[in-house]
Amino acid sequence: MSQPQLNKKAPNFKLPATGDKTLSLADFKGKNLVIYFYPKDNTPGCTTEGQDFRDHFKQFQKHNTEILGVSRDSVRTHENFRKKHEFPFDLLSDADEEMCKAFDVIKLKKLYGREYMGIERSTFLIDEQGKLKQEWRKVKVKGHVEEVLEAVKAL
């Protein structure tokens, strides 16, 4: 699986989302788009990351930027997670890992000595023309959203 290329068209996607929607890359034409991939709803790091994006949402909006969160959780789980933490952006359900594979975020992970394939916390910034402008892999949550916001401002 090849990785998405900077300054090239971002991988297309079409997935079920919160709010009874199906969203695709084309839905965001003319806007910048931050897509963040995270391992699982309602886990500490993923909750903090979502809350950080929520708390900075208005600043992203000022810069013509939408936000999408993506994990393999179901839309139903996403709806509960989104409502509980009042996320003003949609969460996509990638149960078949199609989008995860297109963005090359499925990696071998280890937890308590066990190896498994899972989502590596990653964020992608796509510009108004649908081109991938920046990517962050192996993301550490603390300070990450501020770094992404600075990159959006620099577009």
C-alpha atoms as a PDB file:
ATOM      1  CA  MET A   1       0.000   0.000   0.000  1.00  0.00           C
ATOM      2  CA  SER A   2       1.502   3.308  -1.034  1.00  0.00           C
ATOM      3  CA  GLN A   3       1.361   6.299   1.237  1.00  0.00           C
ATOM      4  CA  PRO A   4      -0.507   9.417   0.165  1.00  0.00           C
ATOM      5  CA  GLN A   5       1.860  11.946  -1.420  1.00  0.00           C
ATOM      6  CA  LEU A   6       2.285  15.547  -0.240  1.00  0.00           C
ATOM      7  CA  ASN A   7       1.081  18.158  -2.758  1.00  0.00           C
ATOM      8  CA  LYS A   8      -0.848  15.461  -4.657  1.00  0.00           C
ATOM      9  CA  LYS A   9      -4.576  14.744  -4.643  1.00  0.00           C
ATOM     10  CA  ALA A  10      -5.616  13.244  -1.315  1.00  0.00           C
ATOM     11  CA  PRO A  11      -7.120   9.742  -1.374  1.00  0.00           C
ATOM     12  CA  ASN A  12     -10.844   9.826  -2.011  1.00  0.00           C
ATOM     13  CA  PHE A  13     -13.260   8.382   0.524  1.00  0.00           C
ATOM     14  CA  LYS A  14     -16.971   7.865   0.979  1.00  0.00           C
ATOM     15  CA  LEU A  15     -18.017   6.669   4.416  1.00  0.00           C
ATOM     16  CA  PRO A  16     -20.979   6.683   6.796  1.00  0.00           C
ATOM     17  CA  ALA A  17     -20.765   9.507   9.331  1.00  0.00           C
ATOM     18  CA  THR A  18     -22.523  10.868  12.375  1.00  0.00           C
ATOM     19  CA  GLY A  19     -25.705  12.830  11.760  1.00  0.00           C
ATOM     20  CA  ASP A  20     -27.015  10.103   9.429  1.00  0.00           C
ATOM     21  CA  LYS A  21     -24.720  11.277   6.620  1.00  0.00           C
ATOM     22  CA  THR A  22     -22.374   9.752   4.101  1.00  0.00           C
ATOM     23  CA  LEU A  23     -19.376  11.995   3.494  1.00  0.00           C
ATOM     24  CA  SER A  24     -16.748  12.044   0.766  1.00  0.00           C
ATOM     25  CA  LEU A  25     -13.735  14.185  -0.100  1.00  0.00           C
ATOM     26  CA  ALA A  26     -15.823  15.968  -2.758  1.00  0.00           C
ATOM     27  CA  ASP A  27     -18.156  17.295  -0.031  1.00  0.00           C
ATOM     28  CA  PHE A  28     -15.327  19.532   1.186  1.00  0.00           C
ATOM     29  CA  LYS A  29     -14.275  21.077  -2.130  1.00  0.00           C
ATOM     30  CA  GLY A  30     -13.436  24.751  -1.597  1.00  0.00           C
ATOM     31  CA  LYS A  31     -12.589  24.184   2.071  1.00  0.00           C
ATOM     32  CA  ASN A  32      -9.499  23.025   3.897  1.00  0.00           C
ATOM     33  CA  LEU A  33      -9.992  19.726   5.660  1.00  0.00           C
ATOM     34  CA  VAL A  34      -8.294  18.223   8.701  1.00  0.00           C
ATOM     35  CA  ILE A  35      -8.769  14.465   8.937  1.00  0.00           C
ATOM     36  CA  TYR A  36      -7.587  12.856  12.127  1.00  0.00           C
ATOM     37  CA  PHE A  37      -7.435   9.091  12.555  1.00  0.00           C
ATOM     38  CA  TYR A  38      -7.645   7.732  16.078  1.00  0.00           C
ATOM     39  CA  PRO A  39      -7.744   4.210  17.529  1.00  0.00           C
ATOM     40  CA  LYS A  40     -10.992   4.049  19.530  1.00  0.00           C
ATOM     41  CA  ASP A  41     -13.912   6.097  20.843  1.00  0.00           C
ATOM     42  CA  ASN A  42     -14.055   6.759  24.591  1.00  0.00           C
ATOM     43  CA  THR A  43     -10.421   5.962  25.347  1.00  0.00           C
ATOM     44  CA  PRO A  44      -8.332   8.566  27.206  1.00  0.00           C
ATOM     45  CA  GLY A  45      -6.018   9.766  24.387  1.00  0.00           C
ATOM     46  CA  CYS A  46      -8.747   9.724  21.752  1.00  0.00           C
ATOM     47  CA  THR A  47     -11.142  11.616  24.018  1.00  0.00           C
ATOM     48  CA  THR A  48      -8.523  14.277  24.790  1.00  0.00           C
ATOM     49  CA  GLU A  49      -7.654  14.657  21.100  1.00  0.00           C
ATOM     50  CA  GLY A  50     -11.330  15.074  20.152  1.00  0.00           C
ATOM     51  CA  GLN A  51     -11.840  17.604  22.950  1.00  0.00           C
ATOM     52  CA  ASP A  52      -8.802  19.584  21.780  1.00  0.00           C
ATOM     53  CA  PHE A  53     -10.189  19.753  18.227  1.00  0.00           C
ATOM     54  CA  ARG A  54     -13.582  20.719  19.692  1.00  0.00           C
ATOM     55  CA  ASP A  55     -12.050  23.493  21.805  1.00  0.00           C
ATOM     56  CA  HIS A  56     -10.229  24.947  18.770  1.00  0.00           C
ATOM     57  CA  PHE A  57     -13.064  24.338  16.279  1.00  0.00           C
ATOM     58  CA  LYS A  58     -14.060  28.013  15.902  1.00  0.00           C
ATOM     59  CA  GLN A  59     -10.444  28.954  15.101  1.00  0.00           C
ATOM     60  CA  PHE A  60     -10.306  26.272  12.391  1.00  0.00           C
ATOM     61  CA  GLN A  61     -13.616  27.563  11.013  1.00  0.00           C
ATOM     62  CA  LYS A  62     -12.201  31.094  10.780  1.00  0.00           C
ATOM     63  CA  HIS A  63      -9.626  29.658   8.373  1.00  0.00           C
ATOM     64  CA  ASN A  64     -12.204  27.901   6.142  1.00  0.00           C
ATOM     65  CA  THR A  65     -11.295  24.518   7.632  1.00  0.00           C
ATOM     66  CA  GLU A  66     -13.515  21.574   8.498  1.00  0.00           C
ATOM     67  CA  ILE A  67     -12.534  18.680  10.769  1.00  0.00           C
ATOM     68  CA  LEU A  68     -13.323  14.963  10.501  1.00  0.00           C
ATOM     69  CA  GLY A  69     -12.419  12.242  12.972  1.00  0.00           C
ATOM     70  CA  VAL A  70     -12.041   8.674  11.683  1.00  0.00           C
ATOM     71  CA  SER A  71     -11.858   5.324  13.465  1.00  0.00           C
ATOM     72  CA  ARG A  72     -13.125   1.791  12.942  1.00  0.00           C
ATOM     73  CA  ASP A  73     -15.910   2.243  15.500  1.00  0.00           C
ATOM     74  CA  SER A  74     -19.536   2.026  14.376  1.00  0.00           C
ATOM     75  CA  VAL A  75     -21.608   5.123  13.590  1.00  0.00           C
ATOM     76  CA  ARG A  76     -23.736   4.328  16.658  1.00  0.00           C
ATOM     77  CA  THR A  77     -20.660   4.352  18.927  1.00  0.00           C
ATOM     78  CA  HIS A  78     -19.504   7.562  17.210  1.00  0.00           C
ATOM     79  CA  GLU A  79     -22.896   9.211  17.814  1.00  0.00           C
ATOM     80  CA  ASN A  80     -22.660   8.506  21.549  1.00  0.00           C
ATOM     81  CA  PHE A  81     -19.004   9.644  21.716  1.00  0.00           C
ATOM     82  CA  ARG A  82     -19.766  12.820  19.764  1.00  0.00           C
ATOM     83  CA  LYS A  83     -22.831  13.680  21.845  1.00  0.00           C
ATOM     84  CA  LYS A  84     -21.111  12.950  25.175  1.00  0.00           C
ATOM     85  CA  HIS A  85     -18.223  15.310  24.376  1.00  0.00           C
ATOM     86  CA  GLU A  86     -20.200  17.821  22.255  1.00  0.00           C
ATOM     87  CA  PHE A  87     -17.981  17.532  19.184  1.00  0.00           C
ATOM     88  CA  PRO A  88     -19.131  20.096  16.582  1.00  0.00           C
ATOM     89  CA  PHE A  89     -17.648  18.010  13.735  1.00  0.00           C
ATOM     90  CA  ASP A  90     -18.540  14.655  12.216  1.00  0.00           C
ATOM     91  CA  LEU A  91     -16.930  11.299  12.918  1.00  0.00           C
ATOM     92  CA  LEU A  92     -16.572   8.756  10.111  1.00  0.00           C
ATOM     93  CA  SER A  93     -16.959   5.017  10.593  1.00  0.00           C
ATOM     94  CA  ASP A  94     -14.319   3.070   8.666  1.00  0.00           C
ATOM     95  CA  ALA A  95     -15.277  -0.437   9.779  1.00  0.00           C
ATOM     96  CA  ASP A  96     -13.776  -2.004   6.622  1.00  0.00           C
ATOM     97  CA  GLU A  97     -10.555   0.032   6.991  1.00  0.00           C
ATOM     98  CA  GLU A  98     -10.818   1.304   3.396  1.00  0.00           C
ATOM     99  CA  MET A  99      -9.973   4.900   4.270  1.00  0.00           C
ATOM    100  CA  CYS A 100      -7.426   3.811   6.898  1.00  0.00           C
ATOM    101  CA  LYS A 101      -5.618   1.757   4.261  1.00  0.00           C
ATOM    102  CA  ALA A 102      -5.819   4.554   1.660  1.00  0.00           C
ATOM    103  CA  PHE A 103      -4.092   6.893   4.130  1.00  0.00           C
ATOM    104  CA  ASP A 104      -1.757   4.106   5.300  1.00  0.00           C
ATOM    105  CA  VAL A 105      -2.552   4.392   9.022  1.00  0.00           C
ATOM    106  CA  ILE A 106      -3.036   0.682   9.846  1.00  0.00           C
ATOM    107  CA  LYS A 107       0.170  -0.385  11.583  1.00  0.00           C
ATOM    108  CA  LEU A 108       1.471  -3.229  13.713  1.00  0.00           C
ATOM    109  CA  LYS A 109       1.014  -2.191  17.343  1.00  0.00           C
ATOM    110  CA  LYS A 110       1.956  -3.768  20.653  1.00  0.00           C
ATOM    111  CA  LEU A 111       0.015  -3.675  23.890  1.00  0.00           C
ATOM    112  CA  TYR A 112       0.951  -5.703  26.960  1.00  0.00           C
ATOM    113  CA  GLY A 113       3.194  -7.917  24.832  1.00  0.00           C
ATOM    114  CA  ARG A 114       0.440  -8.657  22.337  1.00  0.00           C
ATOM    115  CA  GLU A 115       0.839  -7.626  18.692  1.00  0.00           C
ATOM    116  CA  TYR A 116      -2.118  -6.540  16.583  1.00  0.00           C
ATOM    117  CA  MET A 117      -2.964  -4.356  13.602  1.00  0.00           C
ATOM    118  CA  GLY A 118      -4.482  -1.042  14.628  1.00  0.00           C
ATOM    119  CA  ILE A 119      -4.842   2.603  13.735  1.00  0.00           C
ATOM    120  CA  GLU A 120      -1.727   4.687  14.273  1.00  0.00           C
ATOM    121  CA  ARG A 121      -2.867   8.105  15.497  1.00  0.00           C
ATOM    122  CA  SER A 122      -2.362  10.317  12.423  1.00  0.00           C
ATOM    123  CA  THR A 123      -3.612  13.647  11.075  1.00  0.00           C
ATOM    124  CA  PHE A 124      -3.778  14.940   7.498  1.00  0.00           C
ATOM    125  CA  LEU A 125      -4.294  18.480   6.226  1.00  0.00           C
ATOM    126  CA  ILE A 126      -5.943  18.796   2.827  1.00  0.00           C
ATOM    127  CA  ASP A 127      -6.267  22.158   1.067  1.00  0.00           C
ATOM    128  CA  GLU A 128      -9.238  23.694  -0.790  1.00  0.00           C
ATOM    129  CA  GLN A 129      -8.205  21.930  -4.024  1.00  0.00           C
ATOM    130  CA  GLY A 130      -8.172  18.499  -2.363  1.00  0.00           C
ATOM    131  CA  LYS A 131      -4.366  18.268  -2.218  1.00  0.00           C
ATOM    132  CA  LEU A 132      -2.571  16.784   0.756  1.00  0.00           C
ATOM    133  CA  LYS A 133      -0.509  19.608   2.279  1.00  0.00           C
ATOM    134  CA  GLN A 134       0.758  18.105   5.515  1.00  0.00           C
ATOM    135  CA  GLU A 135       0.680  14.900   7.525  1.00  0.00           C
ATOM    136  CA  TRP A 136       1.457  14.007  11.098  1.00  0.00           C
ATOM    137  CA  ARG A 137       2.096  10.369  11.996  1.00  0.00           C
ATOM    138  CA  LYS A 138       2.616   8.705  15.380  1.00  0.00           C
ATOM    139  CA  VAL A 139       0.861  11.715  16.879  1.00  0.00           C
ATOM    140  CA  LYS A 140       1.292  12.599  20.534  1.00  0.00           C
ATOM    141  CA  VAL A 141      -1.927  14.284  21.663  1.00  0.00           C
ATOM    142  CA  LYS A 142      -0.465  17.079  23.836  1.00  0.00           C
ATOM    143  CA  GLY A 143       0.023  20.219  21.723  1.00  0.00           C
ATOM    144  CA  HIS A 144      -0.938  18.462  18.490  1.00  0.00           C
ATOM    145  CA  VAL A 145      -4.099  20.429  17.688  1.00  0.00           C
ATOM    146  CA  GLU A 146      -2.244  23.737  18.130  1.00  0.00           C
ATOM    147  CA  GLU A 147       0.413  22.509  15.675  1.00  0.00           C
ATOM    148  CA  VAL A 148      -2.270  21.579  13.124  1.00  0.00           C
ATOM    149  CA  LEU A 149      -3.945  24.976  13.566  1.00  0.00           C
ATOM    150  CA  GLU A 150      -0.633  26.746  12.877  1.00  0.00           C
ATOM    151  CA  ALA A 151      -0.264  24.714   9.646  1.00  0.00           C
ATOM    152  CA  VAL A 152      -3.813  25.717   8.621  1.00  0.00           C
ATOM    153  CA  LYS A 153      -2.999  29.379   9.215  1.00  0.00           C
ATOM    154  CA  ALA A 154       0.092  29.013   7.024  1.00  0.00           C
ATOM    155  CA  LEU A 155      -1.881  27.725   4.008  1.00  0.00           C
END
